[in-house]
Amino acid sequence: MDLEDEVPARRRRGRELEDALLDAAWDEVVELGYTAATYEGVAARAGTSRSVVYRRWPTKRELVLASVERRGARLTLSVPDTGSLREDLVALLDEVNAGRGQAMLVLGSYAGEFYRETGLTPDDVRDHWLGERTTALAQVVERAVARGEVDPARVTDRTVRLASDLLRQEVLMTMRTVPPESIRAIVDQVVVPVLTGGLPRT
């Protein structure tokens, strides 16, 4: 008898079962890294058999990408609307920092083996994370343009992503969440000046 057949499957089906498997896959990669993560480990975490996981995602690459999509869909952000670009950015980055610190570390650092072995880049994985959703940052910038705070000519994919790129870099360099004063420095000294053409705030 195959060992996987000795693992009793819980009576879960459909979306409930897939969610449990994908959550288990995420935890497996977070704790062990991509290379050490196994189908057997994911199955054990989910309380099911290896074949149940393998039938849905025949490669580890597919399984991990699906777990990234699942995690991204769960971590939705509220979009602040204070009437000020600066205050919206600070509120949004504070929320990202508090709620997504682990995810940023996983996508940017812990999953380094995944990038090397699959040939994907962090940008590729970010697309799976976001799915079809518009980013909260894009909405904040769009509102600032509508209010006349931001010159539309300054709005590009790169300038819209600037705040999150700088926050992620800070997380990866320090391997911890970012202090509030650093978030405000990112907003006041870099992001708002780039988007508005104003002088850095000291």
N, C-alpha and C. Protein backbone atom coordinates (compact mmCIF):
# COMPACT_ATOMS: atom_id res chain seq x y z
N MET A 1 0.84 -1.20 0.00
CA MET A 1 0.00 0.00 0.00
C MET A 1 0.87 1.25 0.00
N ASP A 2 0.53 2.21 -0.84
CA ASP A 2 1.28 3.46 -0.87
C ASP A 2 1.03 4.22 0.42
N LEU A 3 2.11 4.85 0.93
CA LEU A 3 1.97 5.57 2.19
C LEU A 3 0.92 6.66 2.13
N GLU A 4 0.79 7.30 0.95
CA GLU A 4 -0.18 8.39 0.86
C GLU A 4 -1.60 7.91 1.06
N ASP A 5 -1.84 6.61 0.75
CA ASP A 5 -3.19 6.08 0.91
C ASP A 5 -3.54 5.85 2.37
N GLU A 6 -2.49 5.87 3.26
CA GLU A 6 -2.76 5.68 4.67
C GLU A 6 -3.20 6.96 5.35
N VAL A 7 -3.11 8.10 4.64
CA VAL A 7 -3.53 9.37 5.21
C VAL A 7 -5.03 9.54 4.99
N PRO A 8 -5.82 9.58 6.05
CA PRO A 8 -7.26 9.70 5.86
C PRO A 8 -7.64 11.07 5.32
N ALA A 9 -8.40 11.10 4.26
CA ALA A 9 -8.83 12.36 3.67
C ALA A 9 -10.01 12.92 4.44
N ARG A 10 -9.98 14.19 4.74
CA ARG A 10 -11.14 14.84 5.36
C ARG A 10 -12.24 14.98 4.33
N ARG A 11 -13.44 15.08 4.80
CA ARG A 11 -14.57 15.19 3.89
C ARG A 11 -14.77 16.65 3.47
N ARG A 12 -13.86 17.10 2.64
CA ARG A 12 -13.95 18.45 2.09
C ARG A 12 -13.91 18.33 0.59
N ARG A 13 -14.61 19.21 -0.07
CA ARG A 13 -14.65 19.15 -1.52
C ARG A 13 -14.63 20.57 -2.09
N GLY A 14 -14.40 20.62 -3.39
CA GLY A 14 -14.53 21.88 -4.11
C GLY A 14 -13.66 22.97 -3.56
N ARG A 15 -14.23 24.18 -3.45
CA ARG A 15 -13.50 25.36 -3.05
C ARG A 15 -12.90 25.22 -1.66
N GLU A 16 -13.63 24.62 -0.74
CA GLU A 16 -13.13 24.46 0.63
C GLU A 16 -11.85 23.63 0.65
N LEU A 17 -11.84 22.54 -0.11
CA LEU A 17 -10.65 21.70 -0.16
C LEU A 17 -9.49 22.42 -0.83
N GLU A 18 -9.75 23.08 -1.95
CA GLU A 18 -8.67 23.77 -2.65
C GLU A 18 -8.07 24.88 -1.80
N ASP A 19 -8.92 25.61 -1.09
CA ASP A 19 -8.40 26.67 -0.22
C ASP A 19 -7.49 26.10 0.87
N ALA A 20 -7.89 24.97 1.45
CA ALA A 20 -7.08 24.34 2.49
C ALA A 20 -5.73 23.89 1.92
N LEU A 21 -5.74 23.35 0.70
CA LEU A 21 -4.50 22.90 0.07
C LEU A 21 -3.57 24.07 -0.25
N LEU A 22 -4.15 25.16 -0.74
CA LEU A 22 -3.33 26.31 -1.11
C LEU A 22 -2.78 27.02 0.12
N ASP A 23 -3.56 27.09 1.18
CA ASP A 23 -3.04 27.65 2.43
C ASP A 23 -1.89 26.79 2.96
N ALA A 24 -2.04 25.48 2.85
CA ALA A 24 -0.98 24.57 3.28
C ALA A 24 0.27 24.74 2.43
N ALA A 25 0.10 24.94 1.14
CA ALA A 25 1.25 25.15 0.24
C ALA A 25 1.98 26.43 0.60
N TRP A 26 1.24 27.49 0.88
CA TRP A 26 1.86 28.76 1.28
C TRP A 26 2.69 28.56 2.55
N ASP A 27 2.10 27.92 3.56
CA ASP A 27 2.81 27.69 4.82
C ASP A 27 4.05 26.84 4.61
N GLU A 28 3.96 25.85 3.74
CA GLU A 28 5.09 24.98 3.46
C GLU A 28 6.26 25.78 2.87
N VAL A 29 5.98 26.65 1.92
CA VAL A 29 7.04 27.45 1.30
C VAL A 29 7.60 28.47 2.29
N VAL A 30 6.73 29.09 3.09
CA VAL A 30 7.19 30.07 4.08
C VAL A 30 8.16 29.43 5.06
N GLU A 31 7.84 28.24 5.52
CA GLU A 31 8.64 27.60 6.56
C GLU A 31 9.88 26.89 6.01
N LEU A 32 9.79 26.31 4.81
CA LEU A 32 10.86 25.46 4.32
C LEU A 32 11.60 26.01 3.12
N GLY A 33 11.00 26.98 2.41
CA GLY A 33 11.57 27.42 1.14
C GLY A 33 11.05 26.57 0.00
N TYR A 34 11.20 27.09 -1.21
CA TYR A 34 10.62 26.42 -2.38
C TYR A 34 11.24 25.05 -2.62
N THR A 35 12.56 24.94 -2.54
CA THR A 35 13.23 23.68 -2.86
C THR A 35 12.84 22.57 -1.90
N ALA A 36 12.77 22.88 -0.61
CA ALA A 36 12.48 21.85 0.39
C ALA A 36 10.99 21.54 0.50
N ALA A 37 10.14 22.42 0.00
CA ALA A 37 8.70 22.17 0.05
C ALA A 37 8.35 20.96 -0.80
N THR A 38 7.45 20.12 -0.31
CA THR A 38 7.07 18.90 -1.03
C THR A 38 5.56 18.73 -1.08
N TYR A 39 5.11 17.94 -2.05
CA TYR A 39 3.69 17.58 -2.10
C TYR A 39 3.29 16.84 -0.83
N GLU A 40 4.15 15.97 -0.35
CA GLU A 40 3.84 15.22 0.86
C GLU A 40 3.65 16.16 2.06
N GLY A 41 4.52 17.16 2.13
CA GLY A 41 4.40 18.12 3.23
C GLY A 41 3.12 18.92 3.16
N VAL A 42 2.76 19.36 1.94
CA VAL A 42 1.52 20.11 1.75
C VAL A 42 0.33 19.23 2.12
N ALA A 43 0.34 17.98 1.67
CA ALA A 43 -0.77 17.06 1.97
C ALA A 43 -0.91 16.84 3.47
N ALA A 44 0.23 16.66 4.15
CA ALA A 44 0.17 16.43 5.59
C ALA A 44 -0.40 17.64 6.32
N ARG A 45 0.00 18.83 5.90
CA ARG A 45 -0.54 20.04 6.53
C ARG A 45 -2.04 20.16 6.32
N ALA A 46 -2.49 19.76 5.15
CA ALA A 46 -3.92 19.88 4.82
C ALA A 46 -4.74 18.69 5.30
N GLY A 47 -4.06 17.65 5.80
CA GLY A 47 -4.77 16.47 6.28
C GLY A 47 -5.38 15.65 5.17
N THR A 48 -4.63 15.52 4.07
CA THR A 48 -5.15 14.74 2.94
C THR A 48 -3.99 13.96 2.33
N SER A 49 -4.16 13.43 1.12
CA SER A 49 -3.12 12.63 0.50
C SER A 49 -2.40 13.41 -0.60
N ARG A 50 -1.20 12.95 -0.92
CA ARG A 50 -0.40 13.59 -1.96
C ARG A 50 -1.14 13.61 -3.29
N SER A 51 -1.84 12.53 -3.61
CA SER A 51 -2.51 12.45 -4.91
C SER A 51 -3.60 13.50 -5.06
N VAL A 52 -4.23 13.87 -3.96
CA VAL A 52 -5.27 14.91 -4.00
C VAL A 52 -4.66 16.24 -4.43
N VAL A 53 -3.47 16.54 -3.93
CA VAL A 53 -2.79 17.77 -4.30
C VAL A 53 -2.31 17.69 -5.75
N TYR A 54 -1.68 16.57 -6.09
CA TYR A 54 -1.04 16.41 -7.40
C TYR A 54 -2.06 16.46 -8.54
N ARG A 55 -3.25 15.91 -8.32
CA ARG A 55 -4.27 15.92 -9.38
C ARG A 55 -4.64 17.35 -9.77
N ARG A 56 -4.62 18.26 -8.81
CA ARG A 56 -5.03 19.64 -9.09
C ARG A 56 -3.89 20.47 -9.66
N TRP A 57 -2.68 20.24 -9.17
CA TRP A 57 -1.52 21.02 -9.61
C TRP A 57 -0.37 20.05 -9.89
N PRO A 58 -0.22 19.64 -11.15
CA PRO A 58 0.76 18.60 -11.49
C PRO A 58 2.22 19.00 -11.29
N THR A 59 2.50 20.30 -11.20
CA THR A 59 3.88 20.73 -10.93
C THR A 59 3.90 21.61 -9.70
N LYS A 60 5.05 21.60 -9.03
CA LYS A 60 5.19 22.44 -7.83
C LYS A 60 5.09 23.91 -8.20
N ARG A 61 5.58 24.27 -9.37
CA ARG A 61 5.49 25.65 -9.85
C ARG A 61 4.04 26.10 -9.90
N GLU A 62 3.17 25.28 -10.49
CA GLU A 62 1.74 25.63 -10.57
C GLU A 62 1.13 25.74 -9.18
N LEU A 63 1.49 24.83 -8.31
CA LEU A 63 0.95 24.82 -6.96
C LEU A 63 1.32 26.10 -6.21
N VAL A 64 2.59 26.50 -6.29
CA VAL A 64 3.03 27.68 -5.56
C VAL A 64 2.41 28.95 -6.14
N LEU A 65 2.33 29.04 -7.46
CA LEU A 65 1.69 30.21 -8.06
C LEU A 65 0.22 30.30 -7.65
N ALA A 66 -0.46 29.17 -7.60
CA ALA A 66 -1.87 29.17 -7.16
C ALA A 66 -1.97 29.61 -5.71
N SER A 67 -1.00 29.21 -4.88
CA SER A 67 -1.04 29.63 -3.48
C SER A 67 -0.79 31.12 -3.35
N VAL A 68 0.03 31.69 -4.24
CA VAL A 68 0.27 33.14 -4.25
C VAL A 68 -1.02 33.87 -4.62
N GLU A 69 -1.72 33.39 -5.64
CA GLU A 69 -2.99 34.01 -6.03
C GLU A 69 -4.00 33.95 -4.88
N ARG A 70 -4.05 32.82 -4.20
CA ARG A 70 -4.97 32.65 -3.07
C ARG A 70 -4.63 33.65 -1.96
N ARG A 71 -3.35 33.76 -1.62
CA ARG A 71 -2.95 34.67 -0.55
C ARG A 71 -3.23 36.12 -0.92
N GLY A 72 -2.94 36.47 -2.17
CA GLY A 72 -3.19 37.84 -2.61
C GLY A 72 -4.66 38.19 -2.56
N ALA A 73 -5.53 37.25 -2.95
CA ALA A 73 -6.97 37.50 -2.94
C ALA A 73 -7.48 37.69 -1.52
N ARG A 74 -6.84 37.06 -0.54
CA ARG A 74 -7.29 37.17 0.85
C ARG A 74 -6.89 38.49 1.48
N LEU A 75 -5.77 39.04 1.05
CA LEU A 75 -5.24 40.24 1.70
C LEU A 75 -5.66 41.50 0.94
N THR A 76 -6.94 41.75 0.93
CA THR A 76 -7.43 42.94 0.26
C THR A 76 -7.17 44.18 1.13
N LEU A 77 -6.94 45.29 0.48
CA LEU A 77 -6.66 46.54 1.18
C LEU A 77 -7.83 47.50 1.05
N SER A 78 -8.05 48.26 2.11
CA SER A 78 -8.97 49.37 1.99
C SER A 78 -8.23 50.51 1.28
N VAL A 79 -8.97 51.32 0.53
CA VAL A 79 -8.34 52.42 -0.19
C VAL A 79 -8.68 53.71 0.53
N PRO A 80 -7.70 54.33 1.20
CA PRO A 80 -8.01 55.56 1.96
C PRO A 80 -8.43 56.69 1.02
N ASP A 81 -9.26 57.57 1.54
CA ASP A 81 -9.72 58.73 0.75
C ASP A 81 -9.83 59.91 1.70
N THR A 82 -8.66 60.45 2.09
CA THR A 82 -8.62 61.54 3.05
C THR A 82 -8.75 62.91 2.39
N GLY A 83 -8.64 62.95 1.07
CA GLY A 83 -8.62 64.22 0.36
C GLY A 83 -7.23 64.77 0.16
N SER A 84 -6.23 64.01 0.57
CA SER A 84 -4.83 64.44 0.45
C SER A 84 -3.99 63.28 -0.05
N LEU A 85 -3.21 63.50 -1.09
CA LEU A 85 -2.33 62.46 -1.60
C LEU A 85 -1.38 61.98 -0.51
N ARG A 86 -0.78 62.92 0.19
CA ARG A 86 0.19 62.56 1.22
C ARG A 86 -0.43 61.70 2.31
N GLU A 87 -1.58 62.09 2.81
CA GLU A 87 -2.22 61.33 3.88
C GLU A 87 -2.73 59.98 3.38
N ASP A 88 -3.23 59.93 2.15
CA ASP A 88 -3.66 58.64 1.59
C ASP A 88 -2.49 57.67 1.49
N LEU A 89 -1.35 58.17 1.02
CA LEU A 89 -0.18 57.30 0.87
C LEU A 89 0.32 56.80 2.22
N VAL A 90 0.37 57.68 3.20
CA VAL A 90 0.82 57.27 4.53
C VAL A 90 -0.11 56.20 5.10
N ALA A 91 -1.43 56.43 5.01
CA ALA A 91 -2.39 55.46 5.54
C ALA A 91 -2.28 54.12 4.83
N LEU A 92 -2.12 54.16 3.52
CA LEU A 92 -2.05 52.92 2.75
C LEU A 92 -0.77 52.15 3.07
N LEU A 93 0.37 52.83 3.10
CA LEU A 93 1.62 52.15 3.41
C LEU A 93 1.65 51.61 4.83
N ASP A 94 1.04 52.34 5.77
CA ASP A 94 0.93 51.83 7.14
C ASP A 94 0.16 50.51 7.16
N GLU A 95 -0.93 50.44 6.39
CA GLU A 95 -1.74 49.23 6.36
C GLU A 95 -0.98 48.08 5.69
N VAL A 96 -0.33 48.37 4.59
CA VAL A 96 0.47 47.34 3.91
C VAL A 96 1.57 46.83 4.84
N ASN A 97 2.24 47.73 5.49
CA ASN A 97 3.34 47.38 6.38
C ASN A 97 2.88 46.47 7.51
N ALA A 98 1.71 46.78 8.07
CA ALA A 98 1.20 46.00 9.20
C ALA A 98 0.65 44.64 8.77
N GLY A 99 0.02 44.58 7.60
CA GLY A 99 -0.68 43.36 7.23
C GLY A 99 0.02 42.47 6.24
N ARG A 100 1.01 42.98 5.51
CA ARG A 100 1.61 42.20 4.44
C ARG A 100 3.11 42.01 4.59
N GLY A 101 3.63 42.28 5.77
CA GLY A 101 5.07 42.15 5.96
C GLY A 101 5.59 40.78 5.61
N GLN A 102 4.91 39.74 6.13
CA GLN A 102 5.35 38.37 5.84
C GLN A 102 5.27 38.08 4.35
N ALA A 103 4.17 38.52 3.73
CA ALA A 103 4.00 38.23 2.31
C ALA A 103 5.11 38.88 1.48
N MET A 104 5.49 40.11 1.82
CA MET A 104 6.55 40.78 1.08
C MET A 104 7.88 40.04 1.24
N LEU A 105 8.12 39.53 2.44
CA LEU A 105 9.35 38.78 2.65
C LEU A 105 9.34 37.49 1.85
N VAL A 106 8.20 36.81 1.82
CA VAL A 106 8.09 35.56 1.07
C VAL A 106 8.32 35.80 -0.41
N LEU A 107 7.62 36.78 -0.97
CA LEU A 107 7.70 37.03 -2.41
C LEU A 107 9.05 37.59 -2.81
N GLY A 108 9.70 38.32 -1.92
CA GLY A 108 10.94 38.96 -2.31
C GLY A 108 12.20 38.25 -1.89
N SER A 109 12.11 37.39 -0.85
CA SER A 109 13.33 36.82 -0.30
C SER A 109 13.23 35.32 -0.09
N TYR A 110 12.24 34.88 0.72
CA TYR A 110 12.17 33.47 1.05
C TYR A 110 12.00 32.60 -0.20
N ALA A 111 11.35 33.13 -1.23
CA ALA A 111 11.08 32.34 -2.42
C ALA A 111 12.15 32.51 -3.49
N GLY A 112 13.35 32.95 -3.07
CA GLY A 112 14.43 33.12 -4.04
C GLY A 112 14.72 31.87 -4.83
N GLU A 113 14.64 30.71 -4.17
CA GLU A 113 14.86 29.44 -4.86
C GLU A 113 13.81 29.24 -5.95
N PHE A 114 12.60 29.68 -5.67
CA PHE A 114 11.52 29.54 -6.64
C PHE A 114 11.84 30.31 -7.91
N TYR A 115 12.31 31.55 -7.76
CA TYR A 115 12.65 32.35 -8.92
C TYR A 115 13.78 31.70 -9.73
N ARG A 116 14.78 31.20 -9.03
CA ARG A 116 15.91 30.59 -9.74
C ARG A 116 15.49 29.32 -10.48
N GLU A 117 14.67 28.50 -9.87
CA GLU A 117 14.33 27.20 -10.46
C GLU A 117 13.28 27.30 -11.56
N THR A 118 12.42 28.31 -11.49
CA THR A 118 11.34 28.42 -12.48
C THR A 118 11.64 29.42 -13.58
N GLY A 119 12.62 30.32 -13.34
CA GLY A 119 12.90 31.35 -14.33
C GLY A 119 11.94 32.52 -14.28
N LEU A 120 11.00 32.51 -13.34
CA LEU A 120 10.08 33.64 -13.16
C LEU A 120 10.78 34.76 -12.39
N THR A 121 10.20 35.93 -12.43
CA THR A 121 10.73 37.09 -11.71
C THR A 121 9.72 37.52 -10.65
N PRO A 122 10.14 38.36 -9.69
CA PRO A 122 9.17 38.89 -8.73
C PRO A 122 8.01 39.63 -9.40
N ASP A 123 8.26 40.29 -10.53
CA ASP A 123 7.17 40.97 -11.24
C ASP A 123 6.15 39.96 -11.76
N ASP A 124 6.63 38.81 -12.27
CA ASP A 124 5.71 37.77 -12.73
C ASP A 124 4.82 37.30 -11.58
N VAL A 125 5.43 37.08 -10.43
CA VAL A 125 4.68 36.60 -9.27
C VAL A 125 3.73 37.68 -8.77
N ARG A 126 4.16 38.93 -8.85
CA ARG A 126 3.28 40.04 -8.46
C ARG A 126 2.01 40.04 -9.29
N ASP A 127 2.12 39.72 -10.59
CA ASP A 127 0.93 39.66 -11.44
C ASP A 127 -0.04 38.59 -10.94
N HIS A 128 0.50 37.45 -10.50
CA HIS A 128 -0.36 36.40 -9.95
C HIS A 128 -0.98 36.86 -8.63
N TRP A 129 -0.20 37.59 -7.86
CA TRP A 129 -0.69 38.11 -6.57
C TRP A 129 -1.88 39.05 -6.79
N LEU A 130 -1.77 39.94 -7.76
CA LEU A 130 -2.80 40.94 -7.98
C LEU A 130 -3.99 40.41 -8.77
N GLY A 131 -3.75 39.42 -9.65
CA GLY A 131 -4.83 38.96 -10.51
C GLY A 131 -5.32 40.10 -11.40
N GLU A 132 -6.62 40.27 -11.46
CA GLU A 132 -7.21 41.31 -12.30
C GLU A 132 -7.51 42.59 -11.53
N ARG A 133 -7.09 42.64 -10.27
CA ARG A 133 -7.44 43.79 -9.45
C ARG A 133 -6.60 45.02 -9.78
N THR A 134 -7.21 46.16 -9.66
CA THR A 134 -6.48 47.42 -9.73
C THR A 134 -5.82 47.65 -8.38
N THR A 135 -4.57 48.07 -8.37
CA THR A 135 -3.90 48.25 -7.09
C THR A 135 -4.48 49.44 -6.34
N ALA A 136 -4.41 49.34 -5.02
CA ALA A 136 -4.87 50.45 -4.18
C ALA A 136 -4.06 51.71 -4.47
N LEU A 137 -2.77 51.55 -4.73
CA LEU A 137 -1.95 52.72 -5.05
C LEU A 137 -2.44 53.42 -6.31
N ALA A 138 -2.81 52.65 -7.32
CA ALA A 138 -3.31 53.25 -8.55
C ALA A 138 -4.57 54.07 -8.28
N GLN A 139 -5.43 53.54 -7.41
CA GLN A 139 -6.65 54.28 -7.09
C GLN A 139 -6.34 55.57 -6.34
N VAL A 140 -5.38 55.51 -5.41
CA VAL A 140 -4.99 56.71 -4.67
C VAL A 140 -4.45 57.78 -5.62
N VAL A 141 -3.61 57.36 -6.56
CA VAL A 141 -3.03 58.31 -7.51
C VAL A 141 -4.11 58.86 -8.45
N GLU A 142 -5.01 58.01 -8.91
CA GLU A 142 -6.09 58.47 -9.79
C GLU A 142 -6.93 59.54 -9.10
N ARG A 143 -7.24 59.35 -7.83
CA ARG A 143 -8.02 60.35 -7.09
C ARG A 143 -7.24 61.65 -6.96
N ALA A 144 -5.92 61.55 -6.73
CA ALA A 144 -5.10 62.75 -6.61
C ALA A 144 -5.05 63.51 -7.94
N VAL A 145 -5.02 62.79 -9.05
CA VAL A 145 -5.07 63.43 -10.36
C VAL A 145 -6.40 64.16 -10.52
N ALA A 146 -7.49 63.51 -10.15
CA ALA A 146 -8.82 64.12 -10.29
C ALA A 146 -8.95 65.37 -9.43
N ARG A 147 -8.25 65.41 -8.28
CA ARG A 147 -8.30 66.58 -7.41
C ARG A 147 -7.36 67.68 -7.88
N GLY A 148 -6.53 67.39 -8.85
CA GLY A 148 -5.57 68.37 -9.34
C GLY A 148 -4.26 68.40 -8.57
N GLU A 149 -4.03 67.43 -7.67
CA GLU A 149 -2.78 67.38 -6.90
C GLU A 149 -1.62 66.84 -7.73
N VAL A 150 -1.93 65.97 -8.67
CA VAL A 150 -0.89 65.28 -9.44
C VAL A 150 -1.05 65.59 -10.92
N ASP A 151 0.04 65.90 -11.57
CA ASP A 151 0.08 66.13 -13.01
C ASP A 151 -0.01 64.77 -13.71
N PRO A 152 -1.03 64.55 -14.55
CA PRO A 152 -1.16 63.25 -15.23
C PRO A 152 0.09 62.85 -16.00
N ALA A 153 0.86 63.83 -16.46
CA ALA A 153 2.08 63.51 -17.22
C ALA A 153 3.12 62.82 -16.34
N ARG A 154 3.00 62.96 -15.03
CA ARG A 154 3.95 62.32 -14.12
C ARG A 154 3.53 60.90 -13.74
N VAL A 155 2.37 60.48 -14.18
CA VAL A 155 1.83 59.18 -13.78
C VAL A 155 2.24 58.11 -14.78
N THR A 156 3.08 57.18 -14.35
CA THR A 156 3.49 56.03 -15.16
C THR A 156 3.38 54.79 -14.28
N ASP A 157 3.51 53.63 -14.88
CA ASP A 157 3.50 52.41 -14.08
C ASP A 157 4.58 52.46 -13.00
N ARG A 158 5.73 53.00 -13.35
CA ARG A 158 6.84 53.03 -12.40
C ARG A 158 6.58 54.02 -11.26
N THR A 159 6.05 55.20 -11.57
CA THR A 159 5.82 56.17 -10.49
C THR A 159 4.67 55.73 -9.59
N VAL A 160 3.68 55.05 -10.16
CA VAL A 160 2.58 54.54 -9.33
C VAL A 160 3.09 53.45 -8.38
N ARG A 161 4.02 52.63 -8.85
CA ARG A 161 4.55 51.54 -8.02
C ARG A 161 5.64 52.00 -7.06
N LEU A 162 6.09 53.23 -7.19
CA LEU A 162 7.25 53.69 -6.44
C LEU A 162 7.10 53.49 -4.94
N ALA A 163 5.96 53.84 -4.38
CA ALA A 163 5.77 53.73 -2.93
C ALA A 163 5.89 52.28 -2.47
N SER A 164 5.24 51.37 -3.17
CA SER A 164 5.32 49.97 -2.76
C SER A 164 6.69 49.38 -3.01
N ASP A 165 7.35 49.81 -4.10
CA ASP A 165 8.70 49.32 -4.37
C ASP A 165 9.67 49.73 -3.26
N LEU A 166 9.58 50.98 -2.82
CA LEU A 166 10.47 51.45 -1.77
C LEU A 166 10.16 50.78 -0.43
N LEU A 167 8.88 50.58 -0.15
CA LEU A 167 8.52 49.89 1.10
C LEU A 167 9.04 48.46 1.08
N ARG A 168 8.85 47.76 -0.03
CA ARG A 168 9.32 46.38 -0.13
C ARG A 168 10.84 46.30 0.02
N GLN A 169 11.54 47.25 -0.61
CA GLN A 169 13.00 47.27 -0.49
C GLN A 169 13.43 47.45 0.96
N GLU A 170 12.73 48.31 1.67
CA GLU A 170 13.05 48.54 3.09
C GLU A 170 12.83 47.27 3.90
N VAL A 171 11.73 46.57 3.63
CA VAL A 171 11.44 45.31 4.34
C VAL A 171 12.54 44.29 4.07
N LEU A 172 12.94 44.16 2.81
CA LEU A 172 13.93 43.15 2.46
C LEU A 172 15.33 43.49 2.99
N MET A 173 15.63 44.77 3.10
CA MET A 173 16.94 45.16 3.61
C MET A 173 17.05 44.97 5.12
N THR A 174 15.93 45.14 5.83
CA THR A 174 15.96 45.06 7.29
C THR A 174 15.37 43.75 7.82
N MET A 175 14.64 43.01 6.96
CA MET A 175 13.97 41.76 7.33
C MET A 175 13.00 41.97 8.49
N ARG A 176 12.31 43.10 8.48
CA ARG A 176 11.30 43.39 9.50
C ARG A 176 10.35 44.45 8.95
N THR A 177 9.27 44.69 9.69
CA THR A 177 8.37 45.74 9.26
C THR A 177 9.06 47.09 9.37
N VAL A 178 8.53 48.07 8.66
CA VAL A 178 9.20 49.37 8.52
C VAL A 178 8.71 50.33 9.60
N PRO A 179 9.61 51.04 10.28
CA PRO A 179 9.18 52.01 11.30
C PRO A 179 8.33 53.12 10.67
N PRO A 180 7.37 53.68 11.44
CA PRO A 180 6.50 54.73 10.90
C PRO A 180 7.26 55.92 10.32
N GLU A 181 8.38 56.29 10.96
CA GLU A 181 9.12 57.45 10.45
C GLU A 181 9.74 57.16 9.08
N SER A 182 10.07 55.91 8.83
CA SER A 182 10.63 55.57 7.51
C SER A 182 9.55 55.61 6.44
N ILE A 183 8.34 55.20 6.79
CA ILE A 183 7.24 55.29 5.84
C ILE A 183 6.98 56.74 5.47
N ARG A 184 6.99 57.60 6.46
CA ARG A 184 6.75 59.02 6.18
C ARG A 184 7.88 59.65 5.38
N ALA A 185 9.10 59.16 5.58
CA ALA A 185 10.21 59.65 4.77
C ALA A 185 10.06 59.21 3.32
N ILE A 186 9.63 57.98 3.11
CA ILE A 186 9.39 57.49 1.75
C ILE A 186 8.36 58.37 1.05
N VAL A 187 7.29 58.68 1.75
CA VAL A 187 6.20 59.48 1.16
C VAL A 187 6.64 60.93 0.95
N ASP A 188 7.21 61.54 2.00
CA ASP A 188 7.48 62.98 1.97
C ASP A 188 8.72 63.35 1.14
N GLN A 189 9.72 62.50 1.16
CA GLN A 189 10.98 62.85 0.52
C GLN A 189 11.13 62.29 -0.89
N VAL A 190 10.29 61.30 -1.23
CA VAL A 190 10.44 60.68 -2.55
C VAL A 190 9.14 60.67 -3.34
N VAL A 191 8.11 60.01 -2.83
CA VAL A 191 6.94 59.70 -3.66
C VAL A 191 6.12 60.95 -3.99
N VAL A 192 5.77 61.74 -2.99
CA VAL A 192 4.98 62.94 -3.26
C VAL A 192 5.73 63.91 -4.17
N PRO A 193 7.03 64.18 -3.92
CA PRO A 193 7.75 65.06 -4.86
C PRO A 193 7.78 64.54 -6.30
N VAL A 194 7.95 63.23 -6.46
CA VAL A 194 7.98 62.67 -7.82
C VAL A 194 6.63 62.85 -8.51
N LEU A 195 5.55 62.62 -7.79
CA LEU A 195 4.22 62.68 -8.41
C LEU A 195 3.72 64.10 -8.59
N THR A 196 4.13 65.01 -7.73
CA THR A 196 3.60 66.38 -7.80
C THR A 196 4.58 67.39 -8.36
N GLY A 197 5.86 67.06 -8.37
CA GLY A 197 6.86 68.03 -8.79
C GLY A 197 7.23 69.02 -7.71
N GLY A 198 6.75 68.78 -6.49
CA GLY A 198 7.07 69.67 -5.37
C GLY A 198 8.40 69.33 -4.74
N LEU A 199 8.80 70.12 -3.77
CA LEU A 199 10.04 69.91 -3.06
C LEU A 199 9.85 68.86 -1.97
N PRO A 200 10.90 68.10 -1.66
CA PRO A 200 10.81 67.14 -0.57
C PRO A 200 10.45 67.82 0.74
N ARG A 201 9.63 67.13 1.52
CA ARG A 201 9.23 67.65 2.84
C ARG A 201 10.22 67.15 3.88
N THR A 202 10.70 68.02 4.72
CA THR A 202 11.69 67.63 5.73
C THR A 202 11.06 67.63 7.12
